[in-house]
Amino acid sequence: MSSRTDRRNWVWLPSRLRFRVLGLIDVVALWVVVSALVGAGAWWGLDAYRDSRDYCTENQELRRVDTAAGEECIGVTAEAYAFDPDLADVMGRIEGENKAARKSGKPVVSVAVMMPYTSTTPGAAMSKELIRHALQGAYVAQYGHNHGAATDGTAVQLLFANVGEDLTQWKTVTGELAARRTGKAPLVAAIGFPNSDTATLESVQKGLGQKEVRIPAVSAVLSSREMEHSYLFKVSPSTDQLVDALKRYVIENEVNRKDTFLIADEQDDNYVENLRKVFLEEFGEEYGIRTDDAVGRRIAVYRGSKGSDRGDAQDFRQAVDAMCAAGVKTVFLAGRDADLRPFLETLDYRSPCGWGTDAEPLRILRVSTGRDPVTESSRMRQIAERNHIEIVTAAAVDAPRWVAGSGGDEEVPRLFGDFAASYGQYFSGEETAALNDGYAVMYHDALTAVGTAVAAAQGGQDNPVDHDDVYDALRRGSPSERCVGCVPGASGVFTFVDENIGLDKGARNEAVVGRWPVCKPVPVVTFPKERQDKSPLYRTYQGRGEACPPP
């Protein structure tokens, strides 16, 4: 027997076993040991597999979650993640700027961009284009802050905070954000919040805005007056203000006020519900839209693109037939941007109705963040022109006009040109109309508002400010002709109003908490022809004792 096969030479074997024949007990004991080792290894491997299966990243910052849209990577991270190939460039730029901020030697604070990062299902909260444009606008603001001369030596790190396509995963995200308020690069605010719905409001009411959390939330595009909370600031004008700008346009520009009609999205959607309510309050019976008239009622409903799956979405046939029978010349559309294109196509299909003339076009009055590139496509232009249709939109951003009039038009925001130049430098591969939807501008302004508050709160300190400091600075603005402390936004210079100021205690308890932008321009734009608005530029809250600086 060779020395290798001689059990007496097996030093790893206990000595008592080297010089005897293995008995049954010895064999069983040996198999138990081997089985335990194999089992432990298998369990460790299975556990490691489960971890890799449950998490999208090695640092476990993004977790795989089953949502209505399918499996999504939910959580908060400062590193670029492949949510969508279209986002690789802008997320890579933000990650690079995050690293540069941490190495800059400046006090660094974190700001979360809280929104969806994928769009794969119909009715998703944001389209792929809007997500990309939003991040691009945030990057322009981040880079401008970190390398600007007026930011009091502070630097901003952006965090990607994915709440899912339908915004429902906010609990996970707000919990992680709350844990990041201290330490290096403490979280001081969150921006984003794209849709006026229950999930958005709850993410502040039950998440960021709780007394034990107190993280200010700055929405880029929310407009519904139902979105009210003391920790929720809005960069966009409210629905009331957008519709008020439309009413001034109707009065000053001789729009037909008799042959009117209201078409409203009937979905359980806070934004469209609020818009329908405001249209009725502003135009209502004075313009012939009576909800209590069961015979000659000039109201029709449709099911919009966002909400329940019951029924046919964006079916305007019944509404358009009712418009035709009523001989409508002015229609108020209480719906989302995505619903305008199918509405125009249905009008075109029913073109024998003879919708308008050169002298008196059929006017569609609506509100929007910007000028939807899909709606203002060449095909939609042809439909509008051959049917004599004019779309009148009160918007937060009028990029085409601002690009054309920069430097010469007094109503063009004076800082828009600098923003557009930076955007063109960083994202030269984007289409010419990329700024038209308004999201890049509004997300830029949301982060600029936070950055302005960070710089104001820093005040020469060596240590970073915290979330309470930023909240106090955000609500401290005071509008005036010089507007010291105002936000230098690309969509106009503005500050925030607290509508409770000046009220007695009882009234204050009953009043909504505003946190809306003061002095924000609201341009009214027309398509397909650009008409000169006879009314002066609408500025939010101007005329209520507020003095506004040039936009």
Protein backbone atom coordinates (compact mmCIF):
# COMPACT_ATOMS: atom_id res chain seq x y z
CA MET A 1 0.00 0.00 0.00
CA SER A 2 1.39 3.36 -0.99
CA SER A 3 1.99 6.01 1.63
CA ARG A 4 -0.70 8.22 0.11
CA THR A 5 -3.40 5.60 0.40
CA ASP A 6 -2.25 4.42 3.83
CA ARG A 7 -4.73 5.90 6.31
CA ARG A 8 -2.05 5.86 9.00
CA ASN A 9 -0.31 8.73 7.15
CA TRP A 10 -3.44 10.94 6.91
CA VAL A 11 -2.45 13.67 9.34
CA TRP A 12 -5.74 15.48 8.92
CA LEU A 13 -7.60 12.43 10.25
CA PRO A 14 -7.96 12.15 14.04
CA SER A 15 -5.29 9.74 15.41
CA ARG A 16 -7.88 7.36 16.84
CA LEU A 17 -9.16 6.79 13.35
CA ARG A 18 -5.81 6.29 11.66
CA PHE A 19 -5.15 2.88 13.25
CA ARG A 20 -8.54 1.26 13.16
CA VAL A 21 -11.17 0.22 10.70
CA LEU A 22 -13.93 2.80 10.38
CA GLY A 23 -17.00 1.73 12.21
CA LEU A 24 -20.62 2.65 11.53
CA ILE A 25 -20.57 5.49 14.07
CA ASP A 26 -17.39 6.91 12.51
CA VAL A 27 -18.87 6.83 9.03
CA VAL A 28 -22.11 8.50 10.16
CA ALA A 29 -20.17 11.20 12.05
CA LEU A 30 -17.97 11.86 9.05
CA TRP A 31 -20.97 12.16 6.74
CA VAL A 32 -22.66 14.54 9.18
CA VAL A 33 -19.61 16.82 9.14
CA VAL A 34 -19.37 16.72 5.36
CA SER A 35 -23.10 17.34 4.95
CA ALA A 36 -22.97 20.31 7.32
CA LEU A 37 -20.11 21.86 5.40
CA VAL A 38 -21.82 21.32 2.05
CA GLY A 39 -25.13 22.63 3.42
CA ALA A 40 -23.52 25.73 4.88
CA GLY A 41 -21.84 26.45 1.57
CA ALA A 42 -25.06 25.92 -0.34
CA TRP A 43 -26.98 28.17 2.06
CA TRP A 44 -24.34 30.85 1.79
CA GLY A 45 -24.47 30.60 -2.01
CA LEU A 46 -28.27 30.71 -2.02
CA ASP A 47 -28.28 33.71 0.31
CA ALA A 48 -25.77 35.51 -1.91
CA TYR A 49 -27.95 34.69 -4.93
CA ARG A 50 -31.02 36.06 -3.20
CA ASP A 51 -29.18 39.28 -2.41
CA SER A 52 -28.04 39.68 -5.99
CA ARG A 53 -31.53 38.82 -7.19
CA ASP A 54 -33.31 41.29 -4.87
CA TYR A 55 -30.95 44.22 -5.47
CA CYS A 56 -30.09 45.99 -8.71
CA THR A 57 -26.71 47.30 -7.47
CA GLU A 58 -23.87 45.79 -5.48
CA ASN A 59 -24.17 48.48 -2.80
CA GLN A 60 -27.84 47.49 -2.40
CA GLU A 61 -29.10 51.07 -2.83
CA LEU A 62 -31.59 50.05 -5.54
CA ARG A 63 -33.94 47.14 -4.84
CA ARG A 64 -35.96 45.16 -7.37
CA VAL A 65 -39.65 45.69 -6.73
CA ASP A 66 -42.69 44.30 -8.56
CA THR A 67 -44.94 47.22 -9.54
CA ALA A 68 -47.91 47.69 -11.85
CA ALA A 69 -45.40 48.48 -14.61
CA GLY A 70 -43.40 45.29 -13.94
CA GLU A 71 -40.10 44.87 -12.11
CA GLU A 72 -38.46 48.21 -11.30
CA CYS A 73 -35.31 49.27 -9.46
CA ILE A 74 -36.51 51.44 -6.58
CA GLY A 75 -34.37 53.46 -4.18
CA VAL A 76 -31.84 56.27 -3.93
CA THR A 77 -28.31 56.44 -5.34
CA ALA A 78 -25.71 59.04 -6.30
CA GLU A 79 -24.28 56.79 -9.02
CA ALA A 80 -25.51 56.50 -12.59
CA TYR A 81 -27.65 53.39 -13.10
CA ALA A 82 -28.91 51.98 -16.40
CA PHE A 83 -32.59 52.72 -15.87
CA ASP A 84 -32.86 53.47 -19.59
CA PRO A 85 -30.20 53.79 -22.33
CA ASP A 86 -31.54 57.25 -23.21
CA LEU A 87 -30.51 58.47 -19.76
CA ALA A 88 -26.91 57.23 -19.87
CA ASP A 89 -25.38 60.53 -21.01
CA VAL A 90 -27.10 62.87 -18.56
CA MET A 91 -26.84 60.47 -15.60
CA GLY A 92 -23.15 60.00 -16.34
CA ARG A 93 -22.68 63.77 -16.33
CA ILE A 94 -24.47 64.10 -13.00
CA GLU A 95 -22.44 61.27 -11.45
CA GLY A 96 -19.24 62.96 -12.64
CA GLU A 97 -20.33 66.28 -11.15
CA ASN A 98 -21.23 64.50 -7.89
CA LYS A 99 -17.68 63.14 -7.66
CA ALA A 100 -16.21 66.55 -8.48
CA ALA A 101 -18.35 68.15 -5.78
CA ARG A 102 -17.13 65.68 -3.14
CA LYS A 103 -13.51 66.37 -4.11
CA SER A 104 -13.95 70.16 -4.32
CA GLY A 105 -13.18 70.90 -0.67
CA LYS A 106 -16.42 72.91 -0.45
CA PRO A 107 -19.27 72.17 1.97
CA VAL A 108 -21.38 69.63 0.04
CA VAL A 109 -25.12 69.04 0.38
CA SER A 110 -27.30 66.48 -1.37
CA VAL A 111 -30.55 67.14 -3.22
CA ALA A 112 -32.73 64.25 -4.40
CA VAL A 113 -34.38 64.25 -7.82
CA MET A 114 -37.53 62.36 -6.84
CA MET A 115 -39.50 61.09 -9.83
CA PRO A 116 -39.88 58.04 -12.13
CA TYR A 117 -36.81 56.93 -14.07
CA THR A 118 -38.54 54.57 -16.52
CA SER A 119 -41.53 54.83 -18.83
CA THR A 120 -42.66 51.52 -20.29
CA THR A 121 -46.45 51.48 -19.92
CA PRO A 122 -49.29 53.64 -21.32
CA GLY A 123 -50.30 56.28 -18.82
CA ALA A 124 -46.88 56.36 -17.09
CA ALA A 125 -46.36 59.49 -14.99
CA MET A 126 -43.60 60.77 -17.30
CA SER A 127 -42.54 59.94 -20.84
CA LYS A 128 -38.94 58.99 -21.63
CA GLU A 129 -38.38 62.40 -23.18
CA LEU A 130 -39.70 64.26 -20.14
CA ILE A 131 -37.52 62.20 -17.78
CA ARG A 132 -34.42 62.93 -19.85
CA HIS A 133 -35.19 66.63 -20.22
CA ALA A 134 -35.90 66.95 -16.49
CA LEU A 135 -32.51 65.46 -15.58
CA GLN A 136 -30.79 67.63 -18.17
CA GLY A 137 -32.28 70.77 -16.64
CA ALA A 138 -31.25 69.64 -13.17
CA TYR A 139 -27.69 69.04 -14.39
CA VAL A 140 -27.42 72.54 -15.90
CA ALA A 141 -28.49 73.98 -12.54
CA GLN A 142 -26.13 71.69 -10.60
CA TYR A 143 -23.14 72.59 -12.74
CA GLY A 144 -24.03 76.29 -12.60
CA HIS A 145 -24.26 76.18 -8.82
CA ASN A 146 -21.07 74.20 -8.25
CA HIS A 147 -18.99 76.38 -10.56
CA GLY A 148 -20.76 79.70 -10.09
CA ALA A 149 -19.47 82.75 -8.29
CA ALA A 150 -22.63 83.56 -6.33
CA THR A 151 -23.19 80.31 -4.43
CA ASP A 152 -21.19 81.16 -1.31
CA GLY A 153 -18.68 78.36 -1.85
CA THR A 154 -21.14 75.48 -1.58
CA ALA A 155 -21.49 72.42 -3.80
CA VAL A 156 -24.55 70.27 -4.61
CA GLN A 157 -24.63 66.51 -5.12
CA LEU A 158 -27.71 65.11 -6.88
CA LEU A 159 -29.30 61.82 -5.84
CA PHE A 160 -31.39 59.73 -8.23
CA ALA A 161 -34.54 58.85 -6.27
CA ASN A 162 -36.77 56.48 -8.25
CA VAL A 163 -40.38 56.22 -7.02
CA GLY A 164 -41.57 54.05 -9.91
CA GLU A 165 -43.53 54.74 -13.08
CA ASP A 166 -46.79 55.22 -11.19
CA LEU A 167 -45.15 57.09 -8.24
CA THR A 168 -46.41 54.53 -5.70
CA GLN A 169 -43.02 53.50 -4.25
CA TRP A 170 -42.58 56.75 -2.35
CA LYS A 171 -42.50 55.11 1.11
CA THR A 172 -39.25 53.29 0.36
CA VAL A 173 -37.70 56.40 -1.14
CA THR A 174 -38.75 58.89 1.55
CA GLY A 175 -37.52 56.50 4.24
CA GLU A 176 -34.09 56.33 2.62
CA LEU A 177 -34.00 60.09 2.15
CA ALA A 178 -34.81 60.67 5.82
CA ALA A 179 -31.79 58.53 6.75
CA ARG A 180 -29.51 60.72 4.63
CA ARG A 181 -30.12 64.01 6.48
CA THR A 182 -26.89 63.69 8.43
CA GLY A 183 -23.29 62.68 7.73
CA LYS A 184 -21.22 63.68 4.73
CA ALA A 185 -23.16 65.56 2.04
CA PRO A 186 -26.37 65.69 4.11
CA LEU A 187 -29.68 65.72 2.26
CA VAL A 188 -31.30 69.16 2.43
CA ALA A 189 -34.18 68.97 -0.07
CA ALA A 190 -35.86 67.00 -2.83
CA ILE A 191 -37.03 68.25 -6.22
CA GLY A 192 -39.25 66.68 -8.88
CA PHE A 193 -42.77 65.49 -7.95
CA PRO A 194 -44.13 65.52 -11.51
CA ASN A 195 -47.84 64.65 -11.17
CA SER A 196 -50.70 66.13 -9.18
CA ASP A 197 -52.06 62.95 -7.64
CA THR A 198 -52.55 61.20 -4.32
CA ALA A 199 -49.15 59.47 -4.33
CA THR A 200 -47.36 62.80 -4.77
CA LEU A 201 -49.23 64.50 -1.95
CA GLU A 202 -48.82 61.53 0.40
CA SER A 203 -45.08 61.44 -0.27
CA VAL A 204 -44.94 64.85 1.41
CA GLN A 205 -47.75 64.53 3.95
CA LYS A 206 -46.70 61.10 5.22
CA GLY A 207 -43.07 61.16 4.17
CA LEU A 208 -40.81 64.17 3.69
CA GLY A 209 -43.02 66.72 5.44
CA GLN A 210 -43.58 64.83 8.69
CA LYS A 211 -42.53 66.66 11.86
CA GLU A 212 -39.75 64.17 12.55
CA VAL A 213 -38.39 64.41 8.97
CA ARG A 214 -38.92 68.01 7.72
CA ILE A 215 -37.32 67.74 4.27
CA PRO A 216 -38.50 70.54 1.95
CA ALA A 217 -39.94 69.32 -1.37
CA VAL A 218 -39.75 71.60 -4.41
CA SER A 219 -41.93 70.52 -7.31
CA ALA A 220 -40.93 71.56 -10.80
CA VAL A 221 -44.30 71.25 -12.55
CA LEU A 222 -47.17 70.67 -10.06
CA SER A 223 -50.04 73.10 -10.65
CA SER A 224 -53.15 71.66 -8.95
CA ARG A 225 -54.31 73.70 -5.95
CA GLU A 226 -55.06 70.43 -4.18
CA MET A 227 -51.32 69.86 -3.79
CA GLU A 228 -50.95 71.86 -0.57
CA HIS A 229 -48.55 71.31 2.32
CA SER A 230 -46.27 73.60 4.26
CA TYR A 231 -43.21 71.60 3.07
CA LEU A 232 -44.29 71.43 -0.59
CA PHE A 233 -43.03 74.37 -2.69
CA LYS A 234 -44.11 74.76 -6.31
CA VAL A 235 -42.11 76.39 -9.09
CA SER A 236 -45.01 76.28 -11.55
CA PRO A 237 -47.91 78.75 -11.46
CA SER A 238 -51.06 77.22 -10.00
CA THR A 239 -54.01 76.11 -12.12
CA ASP A 240 -55.95 79.15 -10.87
CA GLN A 241 -53.26 81.48 -12.15
CA LEU A 242 -52.90 79.73 -15.50
CA VAL A 243 -56.66 79.89 -16.09
CA ASP A 244 -56.74 83.51 -14.88
CA ALA A 245 -54.17 84.35 -17.57
CA LEU A 246 -56.43 82.65 -20.14
CA LYS A 247 -59.42 84.68 -18.96
CA ARG A 248 -57.51 87.92 -19.42
CA TYR A 249 -56.60 86.77 -22.91
CA VAL A 250 -60.24 85.98 -23.76
CA ILE A 251 -61.37 89.41 -22.57
CA GLU A 252 -58.61 91.44 -24.21
CA ASN A 253 -58.44 89.59 -27.53
CA GLU A 254 -62.14 89.46 -28.47
CA VAL A 255 -62.51 85.69 -28.24
CA ASN A 256 -66.06 84.36 -28.80
CA ARG A 257 -67.63 84.13 -25.34
CA LYS A 258 -71.10 82.86 -26.36
CA ASP A 259 -70.57 79.69 -28.41
CA THR A 260 -68.56 77.93 -25.72
CA PHE A 261 -68.05 74.32 -24.64
CA LEU A 262 -66.14 72.43 -21.92
CA ILE A 263 -64.53 69.04 -22.56
CA ALA A 264 -63.21 67.39 -19.41
CA ASP A 265 -61.27 64.26 -18.56
CA GLU A 266 -63.49 62.20 -16.24
CA GLN A 267 -60.65 60.16 -14.75
CA ASP A 268 -60.02 60.01 -11.00
CA ASP A 269 -57.02 62.30 -11.50
CA ASN A 270 -56.39 65.23 -9.19
CA TYR A 271 -54.89 67.44 -11.89
CA VAL A 272 -57.78 67.21 -14.35
CA GLU A 273 -60.38 67.35 -11.56
CA ASN A 274 -58.87 70.58 -10.29
CA LEU A 275 -58.56 72.03 -13.80
CA ARG A 276 -62.22 71.26 -14.57
CA LYS A 277 -63.25 72.91 -11.31
CA VAL A 278 -61.24 76.06 -12.04
CA PHE A 279 -62.54 76.33 -15.61
CA LEU A 280 -66.11 76.19 -14.32
CA GLU A 281 -65.40 78.74 -11.59
CA GLU A 282 -63.68 81.19 -13.94
CA PHE A 283 -65.85 80.83 -17.04
CA GLY A 284 -68.94 78.95 -15.83
CA GLU A 285 -72.39 80.42 -16.31
CA GLU A 286 -71.08 83.78 -17.55
CA TYR A 287 -69.77 81.97 -20.63
CA GLY A 288 -72.74 79.64 -21.09
CA ILE A 289 -71.27 76.55 -19.42
CA ARG A 290 -74.01 75.51 -16.99
CA THR A 291 -73.71 72.25 -15.11
CA ASP A 292 -77.40 72.29 -14.06
CA ASP A 293 -78.81 72.53 -17.61
CA ALA A 294 -79.88 68.99 -18.48
CA VAL A 295 -81.00 69.86 -22.04
CA GLY A 296 -78.65 72.45 -23.52
CA ARG A 297 -75.64 71.58 -21.41
CA ARG A 298 -72.34 72.50 -23.09
CA ILE A 299 -70.20 69.96 -21.29
CA ALA A 300 -68.82 66.62 -22.47
CA VAL A 301 -66.44 64.15 -20.83
CA TYR A 302 -63.90 61.63 -22.07
CA ARG A 303 -61.50 59.15 -20.48
CA GLY A 304 -57.95 60.46 -20.47
CA SER A 305 -54.69 58.60 -20.87
CA LYS A 306 -53.84 58.48 -17.17
CA GLY A 307 -55.93 56.47 -14.74
CA SER A 308 -58.32 53.53 -14.86
CA ASP A 309 -58.17 51.00 -17.71
CA ARG A 310 -61.96 50.86 -18.06
CA GLY A 311 -63.38 52.09 -21.36
CA ASP A 312 -61.66 53.49 -24.44
CA ALA A 313 -59.00 56.04 -23.60
CA GLN A 314 -58.95 59.32 -25.51
CA ASP A 315 -62.22 58.65 -27.36
CA PHE A 316 -63.49 62.11 -28.31
CA ARG A 317 -66.18 61.10 -30.81
CA GLN A 318 -69.17 61.80 -28.56
CA ALA A 319 -67.71 65.12 -27.34
CA VAL A 320 -66.89 66.27 -30.88
CA ASP A 321 -70.39 65.36 -32.13
CA ALA A 322 -71.88 67.43 -29.30
CA MET A 323 -69.60 70.34 -30.23
CA CYS A 324 -70.70 70.10 -33.85
CA ALA A 325 -74.39 70.15 -32.93
CA ALA A 326 -73.88 73.19 -30.69
CA GLY A 327 -71.94 75.21 -33.26
CA VAL A 328 -69.04 75.72 -30.87
CA LYS A 329 -66.40 78.41 -31.47
CA THR A 330 -64.56 78.36 -28.12
CA VAL A 331 -63.77 75.16 -26.23
CA PHE A 332 -62.09 74.75 -22.84
CA LEU A 333 -60.08 71.52 -22.66
CA ALA A 334 -59.62 70.22 -19.11
CA GLY A 335 -57.13 67.45 -19.85
CA ARG A 336 -53.47 66.53 -20.08
CA ASP A 337 -51.06 67.30 -22.93
CA ALA A 338 -51.21 63.72 -24.24
CA ASP A 339 -54.95 64.10 -24.91
CA LEU A 340 -54.69 67.07 -27.26
CA ARG A 341 -53.36 65.17 -30.28
CA PRO A 342 -56.22 62.59 -30.45
CA PHE A 343 -58.69 65.44 -29.87
CA LEU A 344 -57.34 67.33 -32.88
CA GLU A 345 -57.39 64.17 -34.99
CA THR A 346 -61.04 63.60 -34.09
CA LEU A 347 -61.88 67.18 -35.01
CA ASP A 348 -60.15 66.65 -38.35
CA TYR A 349 -62.15 63.48 -38.97
CA ARG A 350 -65.34 65.50 -38.41
CA SER A 351 -64.11 68.36 -40.60
CA PRO A 352 -67.43 68.63 -42.55
CA CYS A 353 -68.67 70.40 -39.41
CA GLY A 354 -66.82 73.51 -40.56
CA TRP A 355 -65.10 74.29 -37.30
CA GLY A 356 -63.82 77.79 -37.97
CA THR A 357 -62.99 80.47 -40.49
CA ASP A 358 -60.05 82.78 -41.11
CA ALA A 359 -61.92 85.56 -39.34
CA GLU A 360 -63.10 83.41 -36.44
CA PRO A 361 -61.17 80.19 -35.85
CA LEU A 362 -62.28 77.47 -33.48
CA ARG A 363 -60.25 78.25 -30.36
CA ILE A 364 -59.16 75.54 -27.95
CA LEU A 365 -58.18 77.03 -24.57
CA ARG A 366 -55.95 74.96 -22.31
CA VAL A 367 -53.04 75.09 -19.85
CA SER A 368 -49.67 73.33 -19.93
CA THR A 369 -46.13 73.41 -18.57
CA GLY A 370 -44.74 74.20 -22.00
CA ARG A 371 -45.45 73.74 -25.69
CA ASP A 372 -45.83 70.05 -26.43
CA PRO A 373 -43.60 69.14 -29.43
CA VAL A 374 -45.98 66.31 -30.42
CA THR A 375 -48.92 68.70 -30.60
CA GLU A 376 -46.94 71.33 -32.50
CA SER A 377 -45.69 68.86 -35.10
CA SER A 378 -46.04 69.50 -38.82
CA ARG A 379 -48.98 67.06 -39.01
CA MET A 380 -50.87 68.81 -36.23
CA ARG A 381 -50.13 72.14 -37.88
CA GLN A 382 -51.73 70.89 -41.10
CA ILE A 383 -54.81 69.69 -39.22
CA ALA A 384 -55.16 73.01 -37.41
CA GLU A 385 -54.68 75.10 -40.54
CA ARG A 386 -57.11 73.24 -42.80
CA ASN A 387 -59.82 73.25 -40.11
CA HIS A 388 -59.15 76.85 -39.00
CA ILE A 389 -58.35 75.79 -35.43
CA GLU A 390 -56.32 77.91 -33.02
CA ILE A 391 -54.84 76.44 -29.82
CA VAL A 392 -54.47 78.99 -27.02
CA THR A 393 -52.28 77.82 -24.13
CA ALA A 394 -51.38 79.46 -20.84
CA ALA A 395 -47.96 78.02 -20.04
CA ALA A 396 -45.11 78.24 -17.57
CA VAL A 397 -42.53 78.14 -20.40
CA ASP A 398 -42.62 79.53 -23.94
CA ALA A 399 -39.21 78.37 -25.17
CA PRO A 400 -39.72 78.99 -28.92
CA ARG A 401 -40.60 82.64 -28.39
CA TRP A 402 -37.97 83.12 -25.70
CA VAL A 403 -35.26 81.68 -27.97
CA ALA A 404 -36.33 83.96 -30.80
CA GLY A 405 -36.69 87.05 -28.61
CA SER A 406 -33.76 86.68 -26.21
CA GLY A 407 -31.98 90.00 -25.78
CA GLY A 408 -34.66 92.11 -27.45
CA ASP A 409 -38.06 91.24 -25.99
CA GLU A 410 -38.75 92.77 -22.57
CA GLU A 411 -41.12 89.92 -21.71
CA VAL A 412 -38.45 87.25 -22.21
CA PRO A 413 -36.95 86.11 -18.88
CA ARG A 414 -33.52 87.73 -18.74
CA LEU A 415 -31.73 84.58 -17.55
CA PHE A 416 -33.29 82.24 -20.11
CA GLY A 417 -30.61 83.03 -22.71
CA ASP A 418 -27.80 81.92 -20.39
CA PHE A 419 -29.66 78.72 -19.56
CA ALA A 420 -30.37 77.94 -23.22
CA ALA A 421 -26.71 78.53 -24.12
CA SER A 422 -25.51 76.15 -21.38
CA TYR A 423 -28.09 73.54 -22.35
CA GLY A 424 -26.98 73.72 -25.98
CA GLN A 425 -23.34 73.36 -24.93
CA TYR A 426 -23.89 70.28 -22.73
CA PHE A 427 -26.58 68.56 -24.79
CA SER A 428 -25.82 69.50 -28.37
CA GLY A 429 -27.15 66.16 -29.59
CA GLU A 430 -30.71 66.95 -28.51
CA GLU A 431 -33.37 68.00 -30.99
CA THR A 432 -33.97 71.71 -31.51
CA ALA A 433 -37.39 71.47 -29.82
CA ALA A 434 -36.08 69.75 -26.67
CA LEU A 435 -36.75 72.83 -24.52
CA ASN A 436 -40.31 73.29 -25.78
CA ASP A 437 -42.02 70.95 -23.31
CA GLY A 438 -40.70 73.10 -20.46
CA TYR A 439 -39.36 70.30 -18.26
CA ALA A 440 -35.67 71.14 -18.61
CA VAL A 441 -36.41 74.76 -17.71
CA MET A 442 -38.65 73.94 -14.74
CA TYR A 443 -36.37 71.30 -13.23
CA HIS A 444 -33.49 73.74 -13.62
CA ASP A 445 -35.50 76.34 -11.72
CA ALA A 446 -36.53 73.88 -8.99
CA LEU A 447 -32.89 73.05 -8.26
CA THR A 448 -31.90 76.71 -8.62
CA ALA A 449 -34.46 77.54 -5.92
CA VAL A 450 -32.84 75.00 -3.59
CA GLY A 451 -29.33 76.18 -4.51
CA THR A 452 -30.30 79.79 -3.82
CA ALA A 453 -31.61 78.75 -0.41
CA VAL A 454 -28.43 76.76 0.33
CA ALA A 455 -26.24 79.74 -0.51
CA ALA A 456 -28.41 82.09 1.57
CA ALA A 457 -28.35 79.76 4.57
CA GLN A 458 -24.61 79.05 4.33
CA GLY A 459 -23.66 82.61 5.20
CA GLY A 460 -19.91 81.98 5.24
CA GLN A 461 -20.09 78.94 7.56
CA ASP A 462 -17.54 76.17 7.16
CA ASN A 463 -20.01 73.35 7.78
CA PRO A 464 -22.83 72.36 5.41
CA VAL A 465 -26.31 73.68 6.11
CA ASP A 466 -29.09 71.23 6.95
CA HIS A 467 -32.64 70.64 5.76
CA ASP A 468 -34.14 72.97 8.37
CA ASP A 469 -31.86 75.82 7.22
CA VAL A 470 -32.89 75.33 3.60
CA TYR A 471 -36.59 75.20 4.48
CA ASP A 472 -36.32 78.48 6.38
CA ALA A 473 -34.44 80.12 3.49
CA LEU A 474 -36.96 78.91 0.88
CA ARG A 475 -39.90 80.57 2.64
CA ARG A 476 -38.04 83.74 3.51
CA GLY A 477 -38.22 85.41 0.07
CA SER A 478 -39.82 88.81 -0.26
CA PRO A 479 -40.87 90.09 -3.71
CA SER A 480 -40.01 93.66 -4.62
CA GLU A 481 -38.75 95.57 -7.63
CA ARG A 482 -35.20 94.63 -6.65
CA CYS A 483 -36.26 91.27 -5.24
CA VAL A 484 -33.29 90.62 -2.97
CA GLY A 485 -33.07 86.88 -2.33
CA CYS A 486 -35.30 85.93 -5.28
CA VAL A 487 -34.64 82.82 -7.36
CA PRO A 488 -32.83 83.63 -10.64
CA GLY A 489 -34.88 81.19 -12.69
CA ALA A 490 -34.63 80.52 -16.42
CA SER A 491 -38.42 80.92 -16.59
CA GLY A 492 -38.31 84.23 -14.71
CA VAL A 493 -37.19 85.73 -11.41
CA PHE A 494 -39.49 84.67 -8.57
CA THR A 495 -39.83 83.89 -4.90
CA PHE A 496 -42.33 81.89 -2.87
CA VAL A 497 -45.43 83.18 -1.11
CA ASP A 498 -46.94 81.98 2.14
CA GLU A 499 -50.65 82.68 1.75
CA ASN A 500 -51.21 82.42 5.49
CA ILE A 501 -49.20 85.56 6.22
CA GLY A 502 -51.44 88.41 7.32
CA LEU A 503 -54.34 86.18 8.32
CA ASP A 504 -55.67 85.99 11.85
CA LYS A 505 -55.24 82.73 13.73
CA GLY A 506 -58.69 81.38 12.94
CA ALA A 507 -58.49 82.15 9.25
CA ARG A 508 -54.95 80.79 9.12
CA ASN A 509 -56.12 77.43 10.42
CA GLU A 510 -58.73 77.21 7.65
CA ALA A 511 -56.64 78.59 4.76
CA VAL A 512 -54.62 76.49 2.39
CA VAL A 513 -50.87 76.79 2.67
CA GLY A 514 -49.68 78.37 -0.56
CA ARG A 515 -45.96 77.95 -1.25
CA TRP A 516 -46.56 79.10 -4.84
CA PRO A 517 -44.17 81.26 -6.90
CA VAL A 518 -44.63 85.03 -6.79
CA CYS A 519 -43.94 87.17 -9.90
CA LYS A 520 -43.69 84.10 -12.15
CA PRO A 521 -44.47 85.01 -15.79
CA VAL A 522 -47.39 83.18 -17.46
CA PRO A 523 -47.14 83.66 -21.23
CA VAL A 524 -50.20 82.88 -23.37
CA VAL A 525 -49.18 81.30 -26.68
CA THR A 526 -51.11 80.43 -29.83
CA PHE A 527 -50.67 77.73 -32.47
CA PRO A 528 -50.40 77.38 -35.45
CA LYS A 529 -50.15 81.17 -35.84
CA GLU A 530 -48.26 83.28 -33.32
CA ARG A 531 -50.65 86.07 -32.39
CA GLN A 532 -49.60 89.14 -30.45
CA ASP A 533 -51.38 89.08 -27.08
CA LYS A 534 -53.05 92.46 -26.48
CA SER A 535 -53.02 91.97 -22.72
CA PRO A 536 -49.86 92.68 -20.63
CA LEU A 537 -47.67 89.81 -19.48
CA TYR A 538 -49.36 88.01 -16.60
CA ARG A 539 -47.22 87.74 -13.43
CA THR A 540 -48.42 85.56 -10.57
CA TYR A 541 -49.78 87.50 -7.58
CA GLN A 542 -49.01 90.84 -9.27
CA GLY A 543 -51.82 93.28 -8.71
CA ARG A 544 -52.35 92.03 -5.16
CA GLY A 545 -49.89 94.48 -3.70
CA GLU A 546 -46.79 92.70 -4.97
CA ALA A 547 -44.13 94.65 -6.87
CA CYS A 548 -42.27 92.46 -9.36
CA PRO A 549 -38.79 92.92 -10.84
CA PRO A 550 -38.29 92.50 -14.60
CA PRO A 551 -38.74 88.85 -15.51
